Amino acid sequence: MHRSPPSVEARFAVEIEQLMSRGFSLHDIAKECGISKQTIWRLAVGDARKVSWEVGSKVEKGLGRLRGE
């Protein structure tokens, strides 16, 4: 039986949790991503659904910079 890969939102939640465990705050992450702290919080707690391409792109790039990529 095939398992579908985790959703983008679920993957973002895991990555945000990992960054927070390394000492980054929601504010730090939001600032690096160029989006609101509220949006990062929604992603972190799994309350975001169907993230737009624009927001997803900003989050992907910001999380990459924070991971050191």
C-alpha atoms as a PDB file:
ATOM      1  CA  MET A   1       0.000   0.000   0.000  1.00  0.00           C
ATOM      2  CA  HIS A   2       1.378   3.381  -1.011  1.00  0.00           C
ATOM      3  CA  ARG A   3       1.661   6.161   1.497  1.00  0.00           C
ATOM      4  CA  SER A   4       1.288   9.619   0.140  1.00  0.00           C
ATOM      5  CA  PRO A   5       4.088  12.008   0.998  1.00  0.00           C
ATOM      6  CA  PRO A   6       3.351  14.502   3.763  1.00  0.00           C
ATOM      7  CA  SER A   7       1.600  17.670   2.683  1.00  0.00           C
ATOM      8  CA  VAL A   8       3.578  20.847   2.225  1.00  0.00           C
ATOM      9  CA  GLU A   9       1.878  22.255   5.309  1.00  0.00           C
ATOM     10  CA  ALA A  10       2.860  19.219   7.407  1.00  0.00           C
ATOM     11  CA  ARG A  11       6.456  19.423   6.181  1.00  0.00           C
ATOM     12  CA  PHE A  12       6.607  23.132   7.044  1.00  0.00           C
ATOM     13  CA  ALA A  13       5.260  22.371  10.549  1.00  0.00           C
ATOM     14  CA  VAL A  14       8.057  19.848  11.148  1.00  0.00           C
ATOM     15  CA  GLU A  15      10.730  22.205   9.825  1.00  0.00           C
ATOM     16  CA  ILE A  16       9.446  25.106  11.938  1.00  0.00           C
ATOM     17  CA  GLU A  17       9.458  22.861  15.015  1.00  0.00           C
ATOM     18  CA  GLN A  18      13.055  21.837  14.287  1.00  0.00           C
ATOM     19  CA  LEU A  19      14.154  25.451  13.883  1.00  0.00           C
ATOM     20  CA  MET A  20      12.421  26.433  17.114  1.00  0.00           C
ATOM     21  CA  SER A  21      14.227  23.615  18.927  1.00  0.00           C
ATOM     22  CA  ARG A  22      17.478  25.173  17.656  1.00  0.00           C
ATOM     23  CA  GLY A  23      16.560  28.494  19.285  1.00  0.00           C
ATOM     24  CA  PHE A  24      14.753  30.410  16.549  1.00  0.00           C
ATOM     25  CA  SER A  25      11.538  32.178  17.577  1.00  0.00           C
ATOM     26  CA  LEU A  26       8.368  32.452  15.519  1.00  0.00           C
ATOM     27  CA  HIS A  27       9.298  36.103  15.033  1.00  0.00           C
ATOM     28  CA  ASP A  28      12.763  35.167  13.688  1.00  0.00           C
ATOM     29  CA  ILE A  29      11.293  32.633  11.281  1.00  0.00           C
ATOM     30  CA  ALA A  30       8.524  34.970  10.079  1.00  0.00           C
ATOM     31  CA  LYS A  31      10.990  37.806   9.517  1.00  0.00           C
ATOM     32  CA  GLU A  32      13.339  35.586   7.497  1.00  0.00           C
ATOM     33  CA  CYS A  33      10.424  34.278   5.414  1.00  0.00           C
ATOM     34  CA  GLY A  34       8.927  37.722   4.857  1.00  0.00           C
ATOM     35  CA  ILE A  35       5.471  36.735   6.091  1.00  0.00           C
ATOM     36  CA  SER A  36       3.449  37.364   9.237  1.00  0.00           C
ATOM     37  CA  LYS A  37       4.166  35.720  12.556  1.00  0.00           C
ATOM     38  CA  GLN A  38       0.511  34.619  12.590  1.00  0.00           C
ATOM     39  CA  THR A  39       0.989  32.681   9.346  1.00  0.00           C
ATOM     40  CA  ILE A  40       4.098  30.955  10.704  1.00  0.00           C
ATOM     41  CA  TRP A  41       2.194  30.114  13.894  1.00  0.00           C
ATOM     42  CA  ARG A  42      -0.682  28.637  11.848  1.00  0.00           C
ATOM     43  CA  LEU A  43       1.791  26.493   9.917  1.00  0.00           C
ATOM     44  CA  ALA A  44       3.548  25.426  13.120  1.00  0.00           C
ATOM     45  CA  VAL A  45       0.360  24.239  14.843  1.00  0.00           C
ATOM     46  CA  GLY A  46      -1.085  22.597  11.734  1.00  0.00           C
ATOM     47  CA  ASP A  47      -3.881  25.114  11.281  1.00  0.00           C
ATOM     48  CA  ALA A  48      -2.882  26.155   7.746  1.00  0.00           C
ATOM     49  CA  ARG A  49      -4.592  24.566   4.799  1.00  0.00           C
ATOM     50  CA  LYS A  50      -3.876  25.003   1.116  1.00  0.00           C
ATOM     51  CA  VAL A  51      -0.977  27.419   1.405  1.00  0.00           C
ATOM     52  CA  SER A  52      -0.795  29.681  -1.641  1.00  0.00           C
ATOM     53  CA  TRP A  53       2.133  29.379  -4.014  1.00  0.00           C
ATOM     54  CA  GLU A  54       3.373  32.839  -2.995  1.00  0.00           C
ATOM     55  CA  VAL A  55       3.368  32.064   0.736  1.00  0.00           C
ATOM     56  CA  GLY A  56       4.766  28.568   0.208  1.00  0.00           C
ATOM     57  CA  SER A  57       7.600  29.934  -1.909  1.00  0.00           C
ATOM     58  CA  LYS A  58       8.506  32.548   0.723  1.00  0.00           C
ATOM     59  CA  VAL A  59       8.415  29.976   3.514  1.00  0.00           C
ATOM     60  CA  GLU A  60      10.484  27.473   1.520  1.00  0.00           C
ATOM     61  CA  LYS A  61      13.180  30.058   0.780  1.00  0.00           C
ATOM     62  CA  GLY A  62      13.200  31.474   4.320  1.00  0.00           C
ATOM     63  CA  LEU A  63      13.416  28.061   5.968  1.00  0.00           C
ATOM     64  CA  GLY A  64      16.227  27.144   3.598  1.00  0.00           C
ATOM     65  CA  ARG A  65      18.212  30.229   4.628  1.00  0.00           C
ATOM     66  CA  LEU A  66      17.661  29.447   8.309  1.00  0.00           C
ATOM     67  CA  ARG A  67      18.821  25.852   7.749  1.00  0.00           C
ATOM     68  CA  GLY A  68      21.972  27.268   6.178  1.00  0.00           C
ATOM     69  CA  GLU A  69      21.272  26.347   2.572  1.00  0.00           C
END
